[in-house]
Amino acid sequence: MKNNKKWYLGYLISLVLLIVIFTLDLNRSTQTAVTILFSFVLAITHVNVIHNKMIAKDKEYNILSKDERNEMIRDKVNAMNSVVLISFIGIITVVFIVYEWYIPAIIAGSMIVIDPIIMIFISRFYEKRY
């Protein structure tokens, strides 16, 4: 439970980012980047805080979240979801190329290349950890 308290720091970081967004005179791209960062930090923090509270208070949720069958189903869903998302990114890359939007096409195409590399590193990390 002690480690769960660190997630509350995300709320503080989100508040600071929100103050930065509304008080500083930032150029448009910097303000957009700070707004996106604010959204990420707030969403990740809130989901983790709620999840940790549910695990602590609800025994049934705690058991279901650690159930091997549910873990296997989640793994299969995540694997299929990854394939579908990479396929959509591939389609979007082709559309970008057709419209001659080369920079977005390069960014989307690089995501297709980077995804398997990230999966390999994450797999190795969890193989060593467990």
C-alpha atoms as a PDB file:
ATOM      1  CA  MET A   1       0.000   0.000   0.000  1.00  0.00           C
ATOM      2  CA  LYS A   2       2.938   2.294   0.658  1.00  0.00           C
ATOM      3  CA  ASN A   3       4.034   2.133  -2.997  1.00  0.00           C
ATOM      4  CA  ASN A   4       0.533   3.107  -4.109  1.00  0.00           C
ATOM      5  CA  LYS A   5       0.913   6.552  -2.518  1.00  0.00           C
ATOM      6  CA  LYS A   6       3.449   7.577  -5.173  1.00  0.00           C
ATOM      7  CA  TRP A   7       0.637   7.730  -7.738  1.00  0.00           C
ATOM      8  CA  TYR A   8      -0.856  10.728  -5.923  1.00  0.00           C
ATOM      9  CA  LEU A   9       2.219  12.668  -7.046  1.00  0.00           C
ATOM     10  CA  GLY A  10       0.714  12.469 -10.547  1.00  0.00           C
ATOM     11  CA  TYR A  11      -2.206  14.621  -9.419  1.00  0.00           C
ATOM     12  CA  LEU A  12       0.245  17.252  -8.203  1.00  0.00           C
ATOM     13  CA  ILE A  13       2.178  17.119 -11.483  1.00  0.00           C
ATOM     14  CA  SER A  14      -1.113  17.440 -13.387  1.00  0.00           C
ATOM     15  CA  LEU A  15      -2.067  20.484 -11.337  1.00  0.00           C
ATOM     16  CA  VAL A  16       1.301  22.121 -12.034  1.00  0.00           C
ATOM     17  CA  LEU A  17       0.932  21.395 -15.761  1.00  0.00           C
ATOM     18  CA  LEU A  18      -2.588  22.844 -15.727  1.00  0.00           C
ATOM     19  CA  ILE A  19      -1.322  26.005 -14.051  1.00  0.00           C
ATOM     20  CA  VAL A  20       1.462  26.233 -16.649  1.00  0.00           C
ATOM     21  CA  ILE A  21      -1.073  25.886 -19.471  1.00  0.00           C
ATOM     22  CA  PHE A  22      -3.273  28.722 -18.237  1.00  0.00           C
ATOM     23  CA  THR A  23      -0.718  31.132 -16.782  1.00  0.00           C
ATOM     24  CA  LEU A  24       2.323  31.103 -19.049  1.00  0.00           C
ATOM     25  CA  ASP A  25       2.283  32.661 -22.485  1.00  0.00           C
ATOM     26  CA  LEU A  26       3.498  29.654 -24.472  1.00  0.00           C
ATOM     27  CA  ASN A  27       3.602  29.325 -28.219  1.00  0.00           C
ATOM     28  CA  ARG A  28       0.939  27.101 -29.747  1.00  0.00           C
ATOM     29  CA  SER A  29       3.040  23.968 -30.233  1.00  0.00           C
ATOM     30  CA  THR A  30       4.474  24.100 -26.709  1.00  0.00           C
ATOM     31  CA  GLN A  31       1.029  24.642 -25.222  1.00  0.00           C
ATOM     32  CA  THR A  32      -0.285  21.673 -27.212  1.00  0.00           C
ATOM     33  CA  ALA A  33       2.591  19.490 -26.002  1.00  0.00           C
ATOM     34  CA  VAL A  34       2.035  20.523 -22.372  1.00  0.00           C
ATOM     35  CA  THR A  35      -1.708  19.882 -22.733  1.00  0.00           C
ATOM     36  CA  ILE A  36      -1.066  16.390 -24.106  1.00  0.00           C
ATOM     37  CA  LEU A  37       1.401  15.710 -21.289  1.00  0.00           C
ATOM     38  CA  PHE A  38      -1.194  16.934 -18.764  1.00  0.00           C
ATOM     39  CA  SER A  39      -3.779  14.557 -20.252  1.00  0.00           C
ATOM     40  CA  PHE A  40      -1.416  11.574 -20.152  1.00  0.00           C
ATOM     41  CA  VAL A  41      -0.265  12.201 -16.593  1.00  0.00           C
ATOM     42  CA  LEU A  42      -3.785  12.783 -15.275  1.00  0.00           C
ATOM     43  CA  ALA A  43      -5.277   9.751 -17.046  1.00  0.00           C
ATOM     44  CA  ILE A  44      -2.527   7.335 -16.002  1.00  0.00           C
ATOM     45  CA  THR A  45      -2.551   8.627 -12.436  1.00  0.00           C
ATOM     46  CA  HIS A  46      -6.311   8.430 -12.060  1.00  0.00           C
ATOM     47  CA  VAL A  47      -6.588   4.923 -13.521  1.00  0.00           C
ATOM     48  CA  ASN A  48      -3.829   3.614 -11.242  1.00  0.00           C
ATOM     49  CA  VAL A  49      -5.251   5.261  -8.119  1.00  0.00           C
ATOM     50  CA  ILE A  50      -8.747   3.877  -8.779  1.00  0.00           C
ATOM     51  CA  HIS A  51      -7.346   0.427  -9.629  1.00  0.00           C
ATOM     52  CA  ASN A  52      -5.289   0.305  -6.430  1.00  0.00           C
ATOM     53  CA  LYS A  53      -8.286   1.406  -4.347  1.00  0.00           C
ATOM     54  CA  MET A  54     -10.455  -1.288  -5.920  1.00  0.00           C
ATOM     55  CA  ILE A  55      -7.841  -3.967  -5.244  1.00  0.00           C
ATOM     56  CA  ALA A  56      -7.530  -2.844  -1.621  1.00  0.00           C
ATOM     57  CA  LYS A  57     -11.271  -2.627  -0.917  1.00  0.00           C
ATOM     58  CA  ASP A  58     -12.910  -5.259  -3.115  1.00  0.00           C
ATOM     59  CA  LYS A  59     -11.672  -8.806  -2.463  1.00  0.00           C
ATOM     60  CA  GLU A  60     -13.585 -10.221  -5.429  1.00  0.00           C
ATOM     61  CA  TYR A  61     -11.998  -7.696  -7.795  1.00  0.00           C
ATOM     62  CA  ASN A  62      -8.590  -8.534  -6.334  1.00  0.00           C
ATOM     63  CA  ILE A  63      -9.128 -12.245  -6.962  1.00  0.00           C
ATOM     64  CA  LEU A  64     -10.505 -11.676 -10.477  1.00  0.00           C
ATOM     65  CA  SER A  65      -7.600  -9.425 -11.422  1.00  0.00           C
ATOM     66  CA  LYS A  66      -5.137 -12.170 -10.482  1.00  0.00           C
ATOM     67  CA  ASP A  67      -7.106 -15.116 -11.885  1.00  0.00           C
ATOM     68  CA  GLU A  68      -4.990 -17.137 -14.350  1.00  0.00           C
ATOM     69  CA  ARG A  69      -7.857 -17.678 -16.785  1.00  0.00           C
ATOM     70  CA  ASN A  70      -8.612 -13.953 -16.918  1.00  0.00           C
ATOM     71  CA  GLU A  71      -4.915 -13.196 -17.375  1.00  0.00           C
ATOM     72  CA  MET A  72      -4.742 -15.597 -20.316  1.00  0.00           C
ATOM     73  CA  ILE A  73      -7.837 -14.023 -21.897  1.00  0.00           C
ATOM     74  CA  ARG A  74      -6.374 -10.523 -21.418  1.00  0.00           C
ATOM     75  CA  ASP A  75      -3.110 -11.643 -23.013  1.00  0.00           C
ATOM     76  CA  LYS A  76      -4.921 -12.982 -26.082  1.00  0.00           C
ATOM     77  CA  VAL A  77      -7.071  -9.856 -26.372  1.00  0.00           C
ATOM     78  CA  ASN A  78      -4.005  -7.622 -26.093  1.00  0.00           C
ATOM     79  CA  ALA A  79      -2.157  -9.636 -28.742  1.00  0.00           C
ATOM     80  CA  MET A  80      -5.094  -9.387 -31.157  1.00  0.00           C
ATOM     81  CA  ASN A  81      -5.579  -5.714 -30.349  1.00  0.00           C
ATOM     82  CA  SER A  82      -1.935  -5.060 -31.198  1.00  0.00           C
ATOM     83  CA  VAL A  83      -2.323  -6.735 -34.595  1.00  0.00           C
ATOM     84  CA  VAL A  84      -5.469  -4.734 -35.369  1.00  0.00           C
ATOM     85  CA  LEU A  85      -3.903  -1.423 -34.336  1.00  0.00           C
ATOM     86  CA  ILE A  86      -0.742  -2.057 -36.370  1.00  0.00           C
ATOM     87  CA  SER A  87      -2.941  -2.916 -39.365  1.00  0.00           C
ATOM     88  CA  PHE A  88      -4.832   0.370 -38.984  1.00  0.00           C
ATOM     89  CA  ILE A  89      -1.569   2.279 -38.710  1.00  0.00           C
ATOM     90  CA  GLY A  90      -0.438   0.566 -41.926  1.00  0.00           C
ATOM     91  CA  ILE A  91      -3.629   1.621 -43.698  1.00  0.00           C
ATOM     92  CA  ILE A  92      -3.245   5.169 -42.415  1.00  0.00           C
ATOM     93  CA  THR A  93       0.364   5.201 -43.641  1.00  0.00           C
ATOM     94  CA  VAL A  94      -0.778   4.238 -47.138  1.00  0.00           C
ATOM     95  CA  VAL A  95      -3.443   6.970 -47.064  1.00  0.00           C
ATOM     96  CA  PHE A  96      -0.807   9.509 -46.024  1.00  0.00           C
ATOM     97  CA  ILE A  97       1.411   8.436 -48.916  1.00  0.00           C
ATOM     98  CA  VAL A  98      -1.487   8.683 -51.383  1.00  0.00           C
ATOM     99  CA  TYR A  99      -2.187  12.250 -50.247  1.00  0.00           C
ATOM    100  CA  GLU A 100       1.557  12.998 -50.379  1.00  0.00           C
ATOM    101  CA  TRP A 101       1.737  13.744 -46.670  1.00  0.00           C
ATOM    102  CA  TYR A 102       5.186  12.286 -46.292  1.00  0.00           C
ATOM    103  CA  ILE A 103       6.122  13.400 -42.782  1.00  0.00           C
ATOM    104  CA  PRO A 104       3.004  11.854 -41.168  1.00  0.00           C
ATOM    105  CA  ALA A 105       3.591   8.764 -43.337  1.00  0.00           C
ATOM    106  CA  ILE A 106       7.154   8.474 -42.049  1.00  0.00           C
ATOM    107  CA  ILE A 107       5.990   8.877 -38.451  1.00  0.00           C
ATOM    108  CA  ALA A 108       3.223   6.280 -38.833  1.00  0.00           C
ATOM    109  CA  GLY A 109       5.506   3.912 -40.735  1.00  0.00           C
ATOM    110  CA  SER A 110       8.177   4.188 -38.080  1.00  0.00           C
ATOM    111  CA  MET A 111       5.566   3.226 -35.482  1.00  0.00           C
ATOM    112  CA  ILE A 112       5.027  -0.012 -37.396  1.00  0.00           C
ATOM    113  CA  VAL A 113       8.766  -0.705 -37.305  1.00  0.00           C
ATOM    114  CA  ILE A 114       9.232   0.313 -33.665  1.00  0.00           C
ATOM    115  CA  ASP A 115       6.285  -1.732 -32.313  1.00  0.00           C
ATOM    116  CA  PRO A 116       7.891  -5.196 -32.692  1.00  0.00           C
ATOM    117  CA  ILE A 117      11.146  -3.893 -31.220  1.00  0.00           C
ATOM    118  CA  ILE A 118       9.304  -2.586 -28.166  1.00  0.00           C
ATOM    119  CA  MET A 119       7.440  -5.900 -27.848  1.00  0.00           C
ATOM    120  CA  ILE A 120      10.735  -7.816 -27.881  1.00  0.00           C
ATOM    121  CA  PHE A 121      12.225  -5.643 -25.136  1.00  0.00           C
ATOM    122  CA  ILE A 122       9.095  -5.900 -23.001  1.00  0.00           C
ATOM    123  CA  SER A 123       8.983  -9.684 -23.482  1.00  0.00           C
ATOM    124  CA  ARG A 124      12.621 -10.027 -22.433  1.00  0.00           C
ATOM    125  CA  PHE A 125      11.990  -7.837 -19.396  1.00  0.00           C
ATOM    126  CA  TYR A 126       9.075  -9.972 -18.212  1.00  0.00           C
ATOM    127  CA  GLU A 127      10.875 -13.237 -18.991  1.00  0.00           C
ATOM    128  CA  LYS A 128      13.725 -12.168 -16.713  1.00  0.00           C
ATOM    129  CA  ARG A 129      11.366 -10.812 -14.074  1.00  0.00           C
ATOM    130  CA  TYR A 130       9.138 -13.893 -13.816  1.00  0.00           C
END
